[in-house]
């Protein structure tokens, strides 16, 4: 699922938003629209949380939840780093 994320450029230190899809890949490569510097966000440094869907909220039991997978717990503004 695609989502709008906010990034902070490592070079000009301005913040910008991009519409991206987070997948199981550990690195996200983005380009700053202000200075055109390419930046890398290492998603492997952020802890992961389970995505669960509950079918019955009145009684939560082991049979009522469906775990869809995991996603990283990301900060509001993702800092970028200079690519190596």
PDB file of N, CA and C in Angstrom:
ATOM      1  N   UNK A   1       0.841  -1.179   0.000  1.00  0.00           N
ATOM      2  CA  UNK A   1       0.000   0.000   0.000  1.00  0.00           C
ATOM      3  C   UNK A   1       0.887   1.244   0.000  1.00  0.00           C
ATOM      4  N   UNK A   2       0.569   2.177  -0.865  1.00  0.00           N
ATOM      5  CA  UNK A   2       1.346   3.405  -0.935  1.00  0.00           C
ATOM      6  C   UNK A   2       0.869   4.392   0.114  1.00  0.00           C
ATOM      7  N   UNK A   3       1.799   5.217   0.569  1.00  0.00           N
ATOM      8  CA  UNK A   3       1.526   6.177   1.630  1.00  0.00           C
ATOM      9  C   UNK A   3       2.448   7.376   1.449  1.00  0.00           C
ATOM     10  N   UNK A   4       2.039   8.537   1.927  1.00  0.00           N
ATOM     11  CA  UNK A   4       2.881   9.734   1.843  1.00  0.00           C
ATOM     12  C   UNK A   4       3.786   9.782   3.072  1.00  0.00           C
ATOM     13  N   UNK A   5       5.100   9.886   2.825  1.00  0.00           N
ATOM     14  CA  UNK A   5       6.094   9.945   3.888  1.00  0.00           C
ATOM     15  C   UNK A   5       6.834  11.272   3.820  1.00  0.00           C
ATOM     16  N   UNK A   6       7.321  11.724   4.976  1.00  0.00           N
ATOM     17  CA  UNK A   6       8.084  12.964   5.049  1.00  0.00           C
ATOM     18  C   UNK A   6       9.550  12.623   5.301  1.00  0.00           C
ATOM     19  N   UNK A   7      10.424  13.221   4.507  1.00  0.00           N
ATOM     20  CA  UNK A   7      11.857  12.948   4.563  1.00  0.00           C
ATOM     21  C   UNK A   7      12.624  14.230   4.874  1.00  0.00           C
ATOM     22  N   UNK A   8      13.809  14.079   5.477  1.00  0.00           N
ATOM     23  CA  UNK A   8      14.701  15.204   5.708  1.00  0.00           C
ATOM     24  C   UNK A   8      15.978  14.935   4.926  1.00  0.00           C
ATOM     25  N   UNK A   9      16.331  15.878   4.050  1.00  0.00           N
ATOM     26  CA  UNK A   9      17.502  15.719   3.195  1.00  0.00           C
ATOM     27  C   UNK A   9      18.783  15.799   4.023  1.00  0.00           C
ATOM     28  N   UNK A  10      19.708  14.910   3.735  1.00  0.00           N
ATOM     29  CA  UNK A  10      20.993  14.895   4.443  1.00  0.00           C
ATOM     30  C   UNK A  10      21.875  16.059   4.007  1.00  0.00           C
ATOM     31  N   UNK A  11      21.672  16.574   2.787  1.00  0.00           N
ATOM     32  CA  UNK A  11      22.549  17.599   2.242  1.00  0.00           C
ATOM     33  C   UNK A  11      22.052  19.009   2.555  1.00  0.00           C
ATOM     34  N   UNK A  12      20.806  19.348   2.165  1.00  0.00           N
ATOM     35  CA  UNK A  12      20.303  20.713   2.368  1.00  0.00           C
ATOM     36  C   UNK A  12      19.450  20.836   3.633  1.00  0.00           C
ATOM     37  N   UNK A  13      19.165  19.713   4.294  1.00  0.00           N
ATOM     38  CA  UNK A  13      18.422  19.639   5.560  1.00  0.00           C
ATOM     39  C   UNK A  13      16.991  20.177   5.462  1.00  0.00           C
ATOM     40  N   UNK A  14      16.427  20.225   4.262  1.00  0.00           N
ATOM     41  CA  UNK A  14      15.029  20.611   4.097  1.00  0.00           C
ATOM     42  C   UNK A  14      14.161  19.365   4.164  1.00  0.00           C
ATOM     43  N   UNK A  15      12.917  19.550   4.570  1.00  0.00           N
ATOM     44  CA  UNK A  15      11.990  18.420   4.615  1.00  0.00           C
ATOM     45  C   UNK A  15      11.092  18.458   3.389  1.00  0.00           C
ATOM     46  N   UNK A  16      10.721  17.270   2.932  1.00  0.00           N
ATOM     47  CA  UNK A  16       9.858  17.121   1.764  1.00  0.00           C
ATOM     48  C   UNK A  16       9.052  15.842   1.907  1.00  0.00           C
ATOM     49  N   UNK A  17       7.970  15.748   1.164  1.00  0.00           N
ATOM     50  CA  UNK A  17       7.131  14.555   1.218  1.00  0.00           C
ATOM     51  C   UNK A  17       7.150  13.861  -0.137  1.00  0.00           C
ATOM     52  N   UNK A  18       7.074  12.540  -0.084  1.00  0.00           N
ATOM     53  CA  UNK A  18       6.995  11.717  -1.285  1.00  0.00           C
ATOM     54  C   UNK A  18       5.976  10.606  -1.056  1.00  0.00           C
ATOM     55  N   UNK A  19       5.322  10.219  -2.112  1.00  0.00           N
ATOM     56  CA  UNK A  19       4.337   9.142  -2.079  1.00  0.00           C
ATOM     57  C   UNK A  19       5.075   7.854  -2.419  1.00  0.00           C
ATOM     58  N   UNK A  20       5.285   6.989  -1.437  1.00  0.00           N
ATOM     59  CA  UNK A  20       6.091   5.775  -1.607  1.00  0.00           C
ATOM     60  C   UNK A  20       5.376   4.555  -1.050  1.00  0.00           C
ATOM     61  N   UNK A  21       5.825   3.418  -1.505  1.00  0.00           N
ATOM     62  CA  UNK A  21       5.347   2.155  -0.966  1.00  0.00           C
ATOM     63  C   UNK A  21       6.485   1.512  -0.191  1.00  0.00           C
ATOM     64  N   UNK A  22       6.214   1.180   1.069  1.00  0.00           N
ATOM     65  CA  UNK A  22       7.208   0.507   1.898  1.00  0.00           C
ATOM     66  C   UNK A  22       7.029  -0.991   1.694  1.00  0.00           C
ATOM     67  N   UNK A  23       8.107  -1.648   1.282  1.00  0.00           N
ATOM     68  CA  UNK A  23       8.072  -3.091   1.074  1.00  0.00           C
ATOM     69  C   UNK A  23       9.042  -3.739   2.057  1.00  0.00           C
ATOM     70  N   UNK A  24       9.330  -4.997   1.846  1.00  0.00           N
ATOM     71  CA  UNK A  24      10.249  -5.720   2.735  1.00  0.00           C
ATOM     72  C   UNK A  24      11.705  -5.378   2.467  1.00  0.00           C
ATOM     73  N   UNK A  25      11.974  -4.532   1.482  1.00  0.00           N
ATOM     74  CA  UNK A  25      13.345  -4.133   1.212  1.00  0.00           C
ATOM     75  C   UNK A  25      13.867  -3.295   2.379  1.00  0.00           C
ATOM     76  N   UNK A  26      15.138  -3.433   2.679  1.00  0.00           N
ATOM     77  CA  UNK A  26      15.711  -2.782   3.853  1.00  0.00           C
ATOM     78  C   UNK A  26      16.176  -1.354   3.584  1.00  0.00           C
ATOM     79  N   UNK A  27      16.331  -0.954   2.328  1.00  0.00           N
ATOM     80  CA  UNK A  27      16.766   0.407   2.012  1.00  0.00           C
ATOM     81  C   UNK A  27      15.787   1.046   1.045  1.00  0.00           C
ATOM     82  N   UNK A  28      15.532   2.310   1.291  1.00  0.00           N
ATOM     83  CA  UNK A  28      14.667   3.105   0.433  1.00  0.00           C
ATOM     84  C   UNK A  28      15.511   4.234  -0.137  1.00  0.00           C
ATOM     85  N   UNK A  29      15.568   4.358  -1.461  1.00  0.00           N
ATOM     86  CA  UNK A  29      16.373   5.393  -2.112  1.00  0.00           C
ATOM     87  C   UNK A  29      15.433   6.480  -2.609  1.00  0.00           C
ATOM     88  N   UNK A  30      15.696   7.726  -2.179  1.00  0.00           N
ATOM     89  CA  UNK A  30      14.860   8.860  -2.552  1.00  0.00           C
ATOM     90  C   UNK A  30      15.761   9.999  -3.045  1.00  0.00           C
ATOM     91  N   UNK A  31      15.168  10.915  -3.817  1.00  0.00           N
ATOM     92  CA  UNK A  31      15.902  12.085  -4.306  1.00  0.00           C
ATOM     93  C   UNK A  31      15.222  13.336  -3.784  1.00  0.00           C
ATOM     94  N   UNK A  32      15.993  14.261  -3.251  1.00  0.00           N
ATOM     95  CA  UNK A  32      15.473  15.515  -2.723  1.00  0.00           C
ATOM     96  C   UNK A  32      15.012  16.395  -3.896  1.00  0.00           C
ATOM     97  N   UNK A  33      13.783  16.914  -3.846  1.00  0.00           N
ATOM     98  CA  UNK A  33      13.318  17.765  -4.949  1.00  0.00           C
ATOM     99  C   UNK A  33      13.942  19.154  -4.947  1.00  0.00           C
ATOM    100  N   UNK A  34      14.589  19.549  -3.865  1.00  0.00           N
ATOM    101  CA  UNK A  34      15.182  20.887  -3.760  1.00  0.00           C
ATOM    102  C   UNK A  34      16.615  20.936  -4.282  1.00  0.00           C
ATOM    103  N   UNK A  35      17.447  19.981  -3.856  1.00  0.00           N
ATOM    104  CA  UNK A  35      18.856  20.014  -4.261  1.00  0.00           C
ATOM    105  C   UNK A  35      19.248  18.832  -5.146  1.00  0.00           C
ATOM    106  N   UNK A  36      18.310  17.947  -5.446  1.00  0.00           N
ATOM    107  CA  UNK A  36      18.516  16.764  -6.296  1.00  0.00           C
ATOM    108  C   UNK A  36      19.521  15.769  -5.728  1.00  0.00           C
ATOM    109  N   UNK A  37      19.801  15.858  -4.432  1.00  0.00           N
ATOM    110  CA  UNK A  37      20.722  14.903  -3.812  1.00  0.00           C
ATOM    111  C   UNK A  37      19.987  13.590  -3.559  1.00  0.00           C
ATOM    112  N   UNK A  38      20.644  12.494  -3.883  1.00  0.00           N
ATOM    113  CA  UNK A  38      20.079  11.186  -3.631  1.00  0.00           C
ATOM    114  C   UNK A  38      20.346  10.809  -2.184  1.00  0.00           C
ATOM    115  N   UNK A  39      19.330  10.287  -1.522  1.00  0.00           N
ATOM    116  CA  UNK A  39      19.472   9.888  -0.128  1.00  0.00           C
ATOM    117  C   UNK A  39      18.978   8.479   0.094  1.00  0.00           C
ATOM    118  N   UNK A  40      19.467   7.858   1.150  1.00  0.00           N
ATOM    119  CA  UNK A  40      19.103   6.486   1.487  1.00  0.00           C
ATOM    120  C   UNK A  40      18.489   6.471   2.879  1.00  0.00           C
ATOM    121  N   UNK A  41      17.386   5.755   3.019  1.00  0.00           N
ATOM    122  CA  UNK A  41      16.760   5.528   4.325  1.00  0.00           C
ATOM    123  C   UNK A  41      16.893   4.045   4.620  1.00  0.00           C
ATOM    124  N   UNK A  42      17.572   3.699   5.704  1.00  0.00           N
ATOM    125  CA  UNK A  42      17.761   2.307   6.096  1.00  0.00           C
ATOM    126  C   UNK A  42      16.596   1.891   6.984  1.00  0.00           C
ATOM    127  N   UNK A  43      15.666   1.130   6.428  1.00  0.00           N
ATOM    128  CA  UNK A  43      14.482   0.707   7.169  1.00  0.00           C
ATOM    129  C   UNK A  43      14.783  -0.407   8.164  1.00  0.00           C
ATOM    130  N   UNK A  44      15.939  -1.036   8.037  1.00  0.00           N
ATOM    131  CA  UNK A  44      16.316  -2.111   8.946  1.00  0.00           C
ATOM    132  C   UNK A  44      16.653  -1.632  10.344  1.00  0.00           C
ATOM    133  N   UNK A  45      16.865  -0.327  10.518  1.00  0.00           N
ATOM    134  CA  UNK A  45      17.207   0.197  11.840  1.00  0.00           C
ATOM    135  C   UNK A  45      15.982   0.451  12.711  1.00  0.00           C
ATOM    136  N   UNK A  46      14.802   0.382  12.134  1.00  0.00           N
ATOM    137  CA  UNK A  46      13.575   0.656  12.892  1.00  0.00           C
ATOM    138  C   UNK A  46      12.934  -0.654  13.332  1.00  0.00           C
ATOM    139  N   UNK A  47      12.409  -0.695  14.574  1.00  0.00           N
ATOM    140  CA  UNK A  47      11.758  -1.919  15.039  1.00  0.00           C
ATOM    141  C   UNK A  47      10.499  -2.213  14.233  1.00  0.00           C
ATOM    142  N   UNK A  48      10.121  -3.474  14.191  1.00  0.00           N
ATOM    143  CA  UNK A  48       8.940  -3.881  13.432  1.00  0.00           C
ATOM    144  C   UNK A  48       7.794  -4.210  14.381  1.00  0.00           C
ATOM    145  N   UNK A  49       6.571  -3.978  13.914  1.00  0.00           N
ATOM    146  CA  UNK A  49       5.382  -4.315  14.699  1.00  0.00           C
ATOM    147  C   UNK A  49       4.462  -5.173  13.846  1.00  0.00           C
ATOM    148  N   UNK A  50       3.648  -5.976  14.520  1.00  0.00           N
ATOM    149  CA  UNK A  50       2.709  -6.852  13.829  1.00  0.00           C
ATOM    150  C   UNK A  50       1.500  -6.061  13.354  1.00  0.00           C
ATOM    151  N   UNK A  51       0.999  -6.424  12.200  1.00  0.00           N
ATOM    152  CA  UNK A  51      -0.252  -5.869  11.691  1.00  0.00           C
ATOM    153  C   UNK A  51      -1.321  -6.924  11.961  1.00  0.00           C
ATOM    154  N   UNK A  52      -2.313  -6.579  12.775  1.00  0.00           N
ATOM    155  CA  UNK A  52      -3.360  -7.527  13.117  1.00  0.00           C
ATOM    156  C   UNK A  52      -4.725  -6.935  12.798  1.00  0.00           C
ATOM    157  N   UNK A  53      -5.619  -7.797  12.392  1.00  0.00           N
ATOM    158  CA  UNK A  53      -7.005  -7.418  12.147  1.00  0.00           C
ATOM    159  C   UNK A  53      -7.862  -8.263  13.074  1.00  0.00           C
ATOM    160  N   UNK A  54      -8.735  -7.611  13.841  1.00  0.00           N
ATOM    161  CA  UNK A  54      -9.611  -8.313  14.755  1.00  0.00           C
ATOM    162  C   UNK A  54     -11.010  -8.381  14.160  1.00  0.00           C
ATOM    163  N   UNK A  55     -11.578  -9.573  14.136  1.00  0.00           N
ATOM    164  CA  UNK A  55     -12.913  -9.742  13.583  1.00  0.00           C
ATOM    165  C   UNK A  55     -13.996  -9.478  14.615  1.00  0.00           C
ATOM    166  N   UNK A  56     -13.692  -9.666  15.893  1.00  0.00           N
ATOM    167  CA  UNK A  56     -14.690  -9.509  16.942  1.00  0.00           C
ATOM    168  C   UNK A  56     -14.042  -8.725  18.078  1.00  0.00           C
ATOM    169  N   UNK A  57     -14.405  -7.460  18.251  1.00  0.00           N
ATOM    170  CA  UNK A  57     -13.764  -6.630  19.265  1.00  0.00           C
ATOM    171  C   UNK A  57     -14.346  -6.837  20.661  1.00  0.00           C
ATOM    172  N   UNK A  58     -15.537  -7.434  20.764  1.00  0.00           N
ATOM    173  CA  UNK A  58     -16.130  -7.614  22.088  1.00  0.00           C
ATOM    174  C   UNK A  58     -15.397  -8.695  22.882  1.00  0.00           C
ATOM    175  N   UNK A  59     -14.995  -9.739  22.221  1.00  0.00           N
ATOM    176  CA  UNK A  59     -14.265 -10.820  22.889  1.00  0.00           C
ATOM    177  C   UNK A  59     -13.017 -11.096  22.061  1.00  0.00           C
ATOM    178  N   UNK A  60     -11.875 -10.697  22.599  1.00  0.00           N
ATOM    179  CA  UNK A  60     -10.621 -10.925  21.889  1.00  0.00           C
ATOM    180  C   UNK A  60     -10.010 -12.238  22.350  1.00  0.00           C
ATOM    181  N   UNK A  61      -9.954 -13.181  21.462  1.00  0.00           N
ATOM    182  CA  UNK A  61      -9.333 -14.458  21.780  1.00  0.00           C
ATOM    183  C   UNK A  61      -8.317 -14.785  20.699  1.00  0.00           C
ATOM    184  N   UNK A  62      -7.637 -15.879  20.857  1.00  0.00           N
ATOM    185  CA  UNK A  62      -6.612 -16.274  19.905  1.00  0.00           C
ATOM    186  C   UNK A  62      -7.216 -16.536  18.521  1.00  0.00           C
ATOM    187  N   UNK A  63      -8.467 -16.990  18.472  1.00  0.00           N
ATOM    188  CA  UNK A  63      -9.086 -17.333  17.192  1.00  0.00           C
ATOM    189  C   UNK A  63      -9.613 -16.120  16.442  1.00  0.00           C
ATOM    190  N   UNK A  64      -9.761 -14.967  17.101  1.00  0.00           N
ATOM    191  CA  UNK A  64     -10.390 -13.817  16.485  1.00  0.00           C
ATOM    192  C   UNK A  64      -9.433 -12.885  15.766  1.00  0.00           C
ATOM    193  N   UNK A  65      -8.142 -13.039  15.950  1.00  0.00           N
ATOM    194  CA  UNK A  65      -7.232 -12.111  15.293  1.00  0.00           C
ATOM    195  C   UNK A  65      -6.546 -12.780  14.107  1.00  0.00           C
ATOM    196  N   UNK A  66      -6.240 -11.987  13.125  1.00  0.00           N
ATOM    197  CA  UNK A  66      -5.575 -12.439  11.923  1.00  0.00           C
ATOM    198  C   UNK A  66      -4.332 -11.579  11.746  1.00  0.00           C
ATOM    199  N   UNK A  67      -3.168 -12.172  11.842  1.00  0.00           N
ATOM    200  CA  UNK A  67      -1.928 -11.430  11.682  1.00  0.00           C
ATOM    201  C   UNK A  67      -1.577 -11.368  10.203  1.00  0.00           C
ATOM    202  N   UNK A  68      -1.463 -10.157   9.685  1.00  0.00           N
ATOM    203  CA  UNK A  68      -1.193  -9.956   8.269  1.00  0.00           C
ATOM    204  C   UNK A  68       0.296  -9.871   7.959  1.00  0.00           C
ATOM    205  N   UNK A  69       1.115  -9.622   8.940  1.00  0.00           N
ATOM    206  CA  UNK A  69       2.556  -9.486   8.718  1.00  0.00           C
ATOM    207  C   UNK A  69       3.131  -8.446   9.653  1.00  0.00           C
ATOM    208  N   UNK A  70       4.240  -7.874   9.264  1.00  0.00           N
ATOM    209  CA  UNK A  70       4.880  -6.839  10.077  1.00  0.00           C
ATOM    210  C   UNK A  70       5.176  -5.629   9.215  1.00  0.00           C
ATOM    211  N   UNK A  71       5.325  -4.487   9.870  1.00  0.00           N
ATOM    212  CA  UNK A  71       5.733  -3.254   9.202  1.00  0.00           C
ATOM    213  C   UNK A  71       6.640  -2.489  10.154  1.00  0.00           C
ATOM    214  N   UNK A  72       7.560  -1.685   9.623  1.00  0.00           N
ATOM    215  CA  UNK A  72       8.451  -0.937  10.513  1.00  0.00           C
ATOM    216  C   UNK A  72       7.712   0.208  11.211  1.00  0.00           C
ATOM    217  N   UNK A  73       8.088   0.462  12.455  1.00  0.00           N
ATOM    218  CA  UNK A  73       7.561   1.615  13.192  1.00  0.00           C
ATOM    219  C   UNK A  73       8.445   2.806  12.836  1.00  0.00           C
ATOM    220  N   UNK A  74       7.931   3.687  12.000  1.00  0.00           N
ATOM    221  CA  UNK A  74       8.724   4.785  11.462  1.00  0.00           C
ATOM    222  C   UNK A  74       8.443   6.089  12.194  1.00  0.00           C
ATOM    223  N   UNK A  75       9.443   6.967  12.307  1.00  0.00           N
ATOM    224  CA  UNK A  75       9.209   8.285  12.894  1.00  0.00           C
ATOM    225  C   UNK A  75       8.410   9.158  11.920  1.00  0.00           C
ATOM    226  N   UNK A  76       7.957  10.317  12.393  1.00  0.00           N
ATOM    227  CA  UNK A  76       7.182  11.218  11.548  1.00  0.00           C
ATOM    228  C   UNK A  76       8.006  11.742  10.377  1.00  0.00           C
ATOM    229  N   UNK A  77       9.271  12.078  10.618  1.00  0.00           N
ATOM    230  CA  UNK A  77      10.167  12.550   9.558  1.00  0.00           C
ATOM    231  C   UNK A  77      11.322  11.554   9.446  1.00  0.00           C
ATOM    232  N   UNK A  78      11.474  10.959   8.267  1.00  0.00           N
ATOM    233  CA  UNK A  78      12.527   9.981   8.047  1.00  0.00           C
ATOM    234  C   UNK A  78      13.824  10.683   7.646  1.00  0.00           C
ATOM    235  N   UNK A  79      14.886  10.515   8.415  1.00  0.00           N
ATOM    236  CA  UNK A  79      16.162  11.135   8.036  1.00  0.00           C
ATOM    237  C   UNK A  79      16.830  10.318   6.917  1.00  0.00           C
ATOM    238  N   UNK A  80      17.393  11.020   5.954  1.00  0.00           N
ATOM    239  CA  UNK A  80      18.126  10.354   4.881  1.00  0.00           C
ATOM    240  C   UNK A  80      19.617  10.449   5.154  1.00  0.00           C
ATOM    241  N   UNK A  81      20.351   9.550   4.524  1.00  0.00           N
ATOM    242  CA  UNK A  81      21.806   9.527   4.666  1.00  0.00           C
ATOM    243  C   UNK A  81      22.441   9.578   3.283  1.00  0.00           C
ATOM    244  N   UNK A  82      23.673  10.019   3.234  1.00  0.00           N
ATOM    245  CA  UNK A  82      24.419  10.053   1.989  1.00  0.00           C
ATOM    246  C   UNK A  82      24.667   8.613   1.524  1.00  0.00           C
ATOM    247  N   UNK A  83      24.365   8.305   0.258  1.00  0.00           N
ATOM    248  CA  UNK A  83      24.618   6.945  -0.223  1.00  0.00           C
ATOM    249  C   UNK A  83      26.109   6.649  -0.268  1.00  0.00           C
ATOM    250  N   UNK A  84      26.448   5.411  -0.007  1.00  0.00           N
ATOM    251  CA  UNK A  84      27.871   5.003   0.008  1.00  0.00           C
ATOM    252  C   UNK A  84      28.342   4.607  -1.362  1.00  0.00           C
TER     253      UNK A  84
END
